[in-house]
C-alpha atoms as a PDB file:
ATOM      1  CA  UNK A   1     -59.879  18.433  49.485  1.00  0.00           C
ATOM      2  CA  UNK A   2     -59.237  20.099  52.809  1.00  0.00           C
ATOM      3  CA  UNK A   3     -60.025  18.946  56.290  1.00  0.00           C
ATOM      4  CA  UNK A   4     -62.473  21.388  57.826  1.00  0.00           C
ATOM      5  CA  UNK A   5     -61.901  22.612  61.338  1.00  0.00           C
ATOM      6  CA  UNK A   6     -64.815  23.577  63.530  1.00  0.00           C
ATOM      7  CA  UNK A   7     -64.587  25.322  66.866  1.00  0.00           C
ATOM      8  CA  UNK A   8     -64.356  22.122  68.918  1.00  0.00           C
ATOM      9  CA  UNK A   9     -63.023  19.325  66.718  1.00  0.00           C
ATOM     10  CA  UNK A  10     -61.576  18.431  63.362  1.00  0.00           C
ATOM     11  CA  UNK A  11     -64.218  17.269  60.889  1.00  0.00           C
ATOM     12  CA  UNK A  12     -63.017  14.805  58.273  1.00  0.00           C
ATOM     13  CA  UNK A  13     -64.971  14.577  54.990  1.00  0.00           C
ATOM     14  CA  UNK A  14     -66.819  11.237  54.656  1.00  0.00           C
ATOM     15  CA  UNK A  15     -64.844   9.872  51.713  1.00  0.00           C
ATOM     16  CA  UNK A  16     -61.513  10.508  53.482  1.00  0.00           C
ATOM     17  CA  UNK A  17     -62.836   8.931  56.665  1.00  0.00           C
ATOM     18  CA  UNK A  18     -63.934   5.791  54.834  1.00  0.00           C
ATOM     19  CA  UNK A  19     -60.544   5.393  53.177  1.00  0.00           C
ATOM     20  CA  UNK A  20     -58.734   6.036  56.458  1.00  0.00           C
ATOM     21  CA  UNK A  21     -61.078   3.768  58.386  1.00  0.00           C
ATOM     22  CA  UNK A  22     -60.567   0.849  55.993  1.00  0.00           C
ATOM     23  CA  UNK A  23     -56.816   1.220  56.250  1.00  0.00           C
ATOM     24  CA  UNK A  24     -56.753   1.390  60.067  1.00  0.00           C
ATOM     25  CA  UNK A  25     -59.155  -1.432  60.897  1.00  0.00           C
ATOM     26  CA  UNK A  26     -57.814  -4.884  61.574  1.00  0.00           C
ATOM     27  CA  UNK A  27     -59.551  -8.219  61.698  1.00  0.00           C
ATOM     28  CA  UNK A  28     -59.843  -8.177  65.483  1.00  0.00           C
ATOM     29  CA  UNK A  29     -63.615  -8.241  65.322  1.00  0.00           C
ATOM     30  CA  UNK A  30     -63.994  -9.879  61.931  1.00  0.00           C
ATOM     31  CA  UNK A  31     -66.472 -12.335  63.435  1.00  0.00           C
ATOM     32  CA  UNK A  32     -69.168  -9.670  63.214  1.00  0.00           C
ATOM     33  CA  UNK A  33     -71.303  -9.960  60.132  1.00  0.00           C
ATOM     34  CA  UNK A  34     -74.185  -7.693  59.396  1.00  0.00           C
ATOM     35  CA  UNK A  35     -77.503  -8.478  57.802  1.00  0.00           C
ATOM     36  CA  UNK A  36     -78.745  -6.200  55.050  1.00  0.00           C
ATOM     37  CA  UNK A  37     -82.476  -6.059  54.499  1.00  0.00           C
ATOM     38  CA  UNK A  38     -84.418  -4.392  51.716  1.00  0.00           C
ATOM     39  CA  UNK A  39     -87.178  -1.816  52.175  1.00  0.00           C
ATOM     40  CA  UNK A  40     -89.751  -4.568  52.682  1.00  0.00           C
ATOM     41  CA  UNK A  41     -87.735  -6.032  55.594  1.00  0.00           C
ATOM     42  CA  UNK A  42     -86.685  -9.095  53.654  1.00  0.00           C
ATOM     43  CA  UNK A  43     -83.070 -10.292  54.132  1.00  0.00           C
ATOM     44  CA  UNK A  44     -81.039  -9.472  51.059  1.00  0.00           C
ATOM     45  CA  UNK A  45     -77.374  -9.939  51.843  1.00  0.00           C
ATOM     46  CA  UNK A  46     -74.773 -10.399  54.558  1.00  0.00           C
ATOM     47  CA  UNK A  47     -71.927  -7.890  54.703  1.00  0.00           C
ATOM     48  CA  UNK A  48     -68.864  -7.521  56.910  1.00  0.00           C
ATOM     49  CA  UNK A  49     -68.843  -4.992  59.726  1.00  0.00           C
ATOM     50  CA  UNK A  50     -66.475  -2.623  57.896  1.00  0.00           C
ATOM     51  CA  UNK A  51     -68.819  -2.402  54.914  1.00  0.00           C
ATOM     52  CA  UNK A  52     -71.788  -1.914  57.255  1.00  0.00           C
ATOM     53  CA  UNK A  53     -70.146   1.041  59.001  1.00  0.00           C
ATOM     54  CA  UNK A  54     -69.170   2.564  55.652  1.00  0.00           C
ATOM     55  CA  UNK A  55     -72.741   2.198  54.342  1.00  0.00           C
ATOM     56  CA  UNK A  56     -74.090   3.830  57.493  1.00  0.00           C
ATOM     57  CA  UNK A  57     -71.543   6.646  57.393  1.00  0.00           C
ATOM     58  CA  UNK A  58     -72.214   7.385  53.715  1.00  0.00           C
ATOM     59  CA  UNK A  59     -75.965   7.344  54.505  1.00  0.00           C
ATOM     60  CA  UNK A  60     -76.701   4.563  52.017  1.00  0.00           C
ATOM     61  CA  UNK A  61     -78.251   2.341  54.688  1.00  0.00           C
ATOM     62  CA  UNK A  62     -80.313   2.850  57.830  1.00  0.00           C
ATOM     63  CA  UNK A  63     -79.271   0.916  60.926  1.00  0.00           C
ATOM     64  CA  UNK A  64     -82.068  -0.986  62.658  1.00  0.00           C
ATOM     65  CA  UNK A  65     -79.985  -2.709  65.354  1.00  0.00           C
ATOM     66  CA  UNK A  66     -76.457  -2.474  66.736  1.00  0.00           C
ATOM     67  CA  UNK A  67     -74.101  -4.930  68.438  1.00  0.00           C
ATOM     68  CA  UNK A  68     -72.824  -3.991  71.909  1.00  0.00           C
ATOM     69  CA  UNK A  69     -69.258  -3.930  70.539  1.00  0.00           C
ATOM     70  CA  UNK A  70     -67.692  -0.642  69.424  1.00  0.00           C
ATOM     71  CA  UNK A  71     -64.966   0.261  66.961  1.00  0.00           C
ATOM     72  CA  UNK A  72     -62.626   3.118  67.797  1.00  0.00           C
ATOM     73  CA  UNK A  73     -61.208   5.569  65.294  1.00  0.00           C
ATOM     74  CA  UNK A  74     -59.381   8.887  65.609  1.00  0.00           C
ATOM     75  CA  UNK A  75     -62.630  10.812  65.243  1.00  0.00           C
ATOM     76  CA  UNK A  76     -64.762   8.778  67.630  1.00  0.00           C
ATOM     77  CA  UNK A  77     -66.181   5.473  68.737  1.00  0.00           C
ATOM     78  CA  UNK A  78     -68.852   3.703  66.694  1.00  0.00           C
ATOM     79  CA  UNK A  79     -71.187   0.861  67.511  1.00  0.00           C
ATOM     80  CA  UNK A  80     -71.098  -1.986  65.000  1.00  0.00           C
ATOM     81  CA  UNK A  81     -74.338  -2.242  63.003  1.00  0.00           C
ATOM     82  CA  UNK A  82     -76.122  -5.595  63.275  1.00  0.00           C
ATOM     83  CA  UNK A  83     -79.065  -5.077  60.901  1.00  0.00           C
ATOM     84  CA  UNK A  84     -79.151  -2.556  58.072  1.00  0.00           C
ATOM     85  CA  UNK A  85     -82.096  -1.419  55.978  1.00  0.00           C
ATOM     86  CA  UNK A  86     -81.213  -0.446  52.441  1.00  0.00           C
ATOM     87  CA  UNK A  87     -83.740   2.049  51.029  1.00  0.00           C
ATOM     88  CA  UNK A  88     -82.488   1.614  47.485  1.00  0.00           C
ATOM     89  CA  UNK A  89     -81.074  -1.786  46.712  1.00  0.00           C
ATOM     90  CA  UNK A  90     -77.389  -1.289  46.021  1.00  0.00           C
ATOM     91  CA  UNK A  91     -76.192  -2.724  42.777  1.00  0.00           C
ATOM     92  CA  UNK A  92     -73.526  -5.367  43.246  1.00  0.00           C
ATOM     93  CA  UNK A  93     -70.506  -4.571  41.133  1.00  0.00           C
ATOM     94  CA  UNK A  94     -68.889  -7.705  39.784  1.00  0.00           C
ATOM     95  CA  UNK A  95     -65.270  -7.579  38.862  1.00  0.00           C
ATOM     96  CA  UNK A  96     -64.660  -8.101  35.213  1.00  0.00           C
ATOM     97  CA  UNK A  97     -62.782 -11.294  34.603  1.00  0.00           C
ATOM     98  CA  UNK A  98     -60.016 -10.777  32.128  1.00  0.00           C
ATOM     99  CA  UNK A  99     -60.169 -13.569  29.619  1.00  0.00           C
ATOM    100  CA  UNK A 100     -56.749 -14.127  28.162  1.00  0.00           C
ATOM    101  CA  UNK A 101     -56.253 -15.938  24.929  1.00  0.00           C
ATOM    102  CA  UNK A 102     -54.683 -19.359  24.940  1.00  0.00           C
ATOM    103  CA  UNK A 103     -51.416 -18.904  23.067  1.00  0.00           C
ATOM    104  CA  UNK A 104     -47.817 -20.022  23.296  1.00  0.00           C
ATOM    105  CA  UNK A 105     -46.804 -16.603  24.612  1.00  0.00           C
ATOM    106  CA  UNK A 106     -49.437 -16.668  27.392  1.00  0.00           C
ATOM    107  CA  UNK A 107     -48.506 -20.213  28.432  1.00  0.00           C
ATOM    108  CA  UNK A 108     -44.849 -19.195  28.674  1.00  0.00           C
ATOM    109  CA  UNK A 109     -45.875 -16.176  30.747  1.00  0.00           C
ATOM    110  CA  UNK A 110     -48.128 -18.279  33.002  1.00  0.00           C
ATOM    111  CA  UNK A 111     -45.327 -20.748  33.765  1.00  0.00           C
ATOM    112  CA  UNK A 112     -42.745 -17.973  34.231  1.00  0.00           C
ATOM    113  CA  UNK A 113     -40.655 -19.104  31.240  1.00  0.00           C
ATOM    114  CA  UNK A 114     -39.570 -22.191  33.187  1.00  0.00           C
ATOM    115  CA  UNK A 115     -39.693 -25.899  32.380  1.00  0.00           C
ATOM    116  CA  UNK A 116     -42.289 -27.562  34.588  1.00  0.00           C
ATOM    117  CA  UNK A 117     -40.269 -30.772  34.873  1.00  0.00           C
ATOM    118  CA  UNK A 118     -36.712 -29.607  35.584  1.00  0.00           C
ATOM    119  CA  UNK A 119     -37.029 -25.825  36.274  1.00  0.00           C
ATOM    120  CA  UNK A 120     -34.607 -24.723  33.557  1.00  0.00           C
ATOM    121  CA  UNK A 121     -35.189 -21.829  31.163  1.00  0.00           C
ATOM    122  CA  UNK A 122     -33.507 -23.060  27.982  1.00  0.00           C
ATOM    123  CA  UNK A 123     -35.050 -24.520  24.792  1.00  0.00           C
ATOM    124  CA  UNK A 124     -38.670 -24.335  25.930  1.00  0.00           C
ATOM    125  CA  UNK A 125     -41.529 -25.946  24.041  1.00  0.00           C
ATOM    126  CA  UNK A 126     -45.183 -26.524  24.810  1.00  0.00           C
ATOM    127  CA  UNK A 127     -46.090 -30.049  25.928  1.00  0.00           C
ATOM    128  CA  UNK A 128     -49.486 -31.708  26.289  1.00  0.00           C
ATOM    129  CA  UNK A 129     -49.894 -33.472  29.643  1.00  0.00           C
ATOM    130  CA  UNK A 130     -52.363 -35.854  28.016  1.00  0.00           C
ATOM    131  CA  UNK A 131     -51.209 -36.259  24.381  1.00  0.00           C
ATOM    132  CA  UNK A 132     -53.555 -35.329  21.556  1.00  0.00           C
ATOM    133  CA  UNK A 133     -53.374 -38.941  20.312  1.00  0.00           C
ATOM    134  CA  UNK A 134     -54.956 -40.049  23.597  1.00  0.00           C
ATOM    135  CA  UNK A 135     -57.693 -37.437  23.594  1.00  0.00           C
ATOM    136  CA  UNK A 136     -55.842 -34.465  25.087  1.00  0.00           C
ATOM    137  CA  UNK A 137     -57.016 -31.024  24.047  1.00  0.00           C
ATOM    138  CA  UNK A 138     -55.440 -27.605  23.548  1.00  0.00           C
ATOM    139  CA  UNK A 139     -56.638 -26.223  26.916  1.00  0.00           C
ATOM    140  CA  UNK A 140     -54.970 -24.367  29.789  1.00  0.00           C
ATOM    141  CA  UNK A 141     -55.165 -27.394  32.081  1.00  0.00           C
ATOM    142  CA  UNK A 142     -53.501 -29.729  29.570  1.00  0.00           C
ATOM    143  CA  UNK A 143     -50.553 -27.554  28.459  1.00  0.00           C
ATOM    144  CA  UNK A 144     -47.202 -27.079  30.212  1.00  0.00           C
ATOM    145  CA  UNK A 145     -43.715 -25.958  29.249  1.00  0.00           C
ATOM    146  CA  UNK A 146     -40.836 -28.345  28.868  1.00  0.00           C
ATOM    147  CA  UNK A 147     -37.357 -28.183  27.457  1.00  0.00           C
ATOM    148  CA  UNK A 148     -36.189 -30.718  24.914  1.00  0.00           C
END
C-alpha cells in the first residue's frame, strides 16, 4: 500500500484518499445535501456532500450538476456535487441491531451496577417500576435496580 509518485505530483490511491478526506473534513459546509438519482432520472435518495464526493471519486456515481462551492484537500480542490446519477443502485447496508436478552445480569450492566434511587452499589435487586400486581411486565422499560 504505497503512495505512488509521478513526475509532477504525489498520487494517492483512492481508498487512502477517501479515508483521509473523511477525517479532514469538518461540518463547515454541512448544509450541502446532494440528490441521488437512478438510471431513469428518478430521485432515489439524499446524501451528504462527503458521501457524494466519495461516490464520485470511487466512480460509483456520475455527477450531473455541481454547486459553486469547493472543498479543498491536500491533493486538490473539488466542486461539491449537487446531483448524482447512480448507474447501479447501491445497496443500503443496514447496521445489525444487537438484540440483548433481558436478564438480571444485563439489567445490572445497563444501570452500571448502581441503585436508580440512591446511587449506591450495595445489595442490589431488580425492581418493577409498575408492580406485577398492577399489570407491570418483565420488560426493559419497567425494570430498574434498587438496593434493599
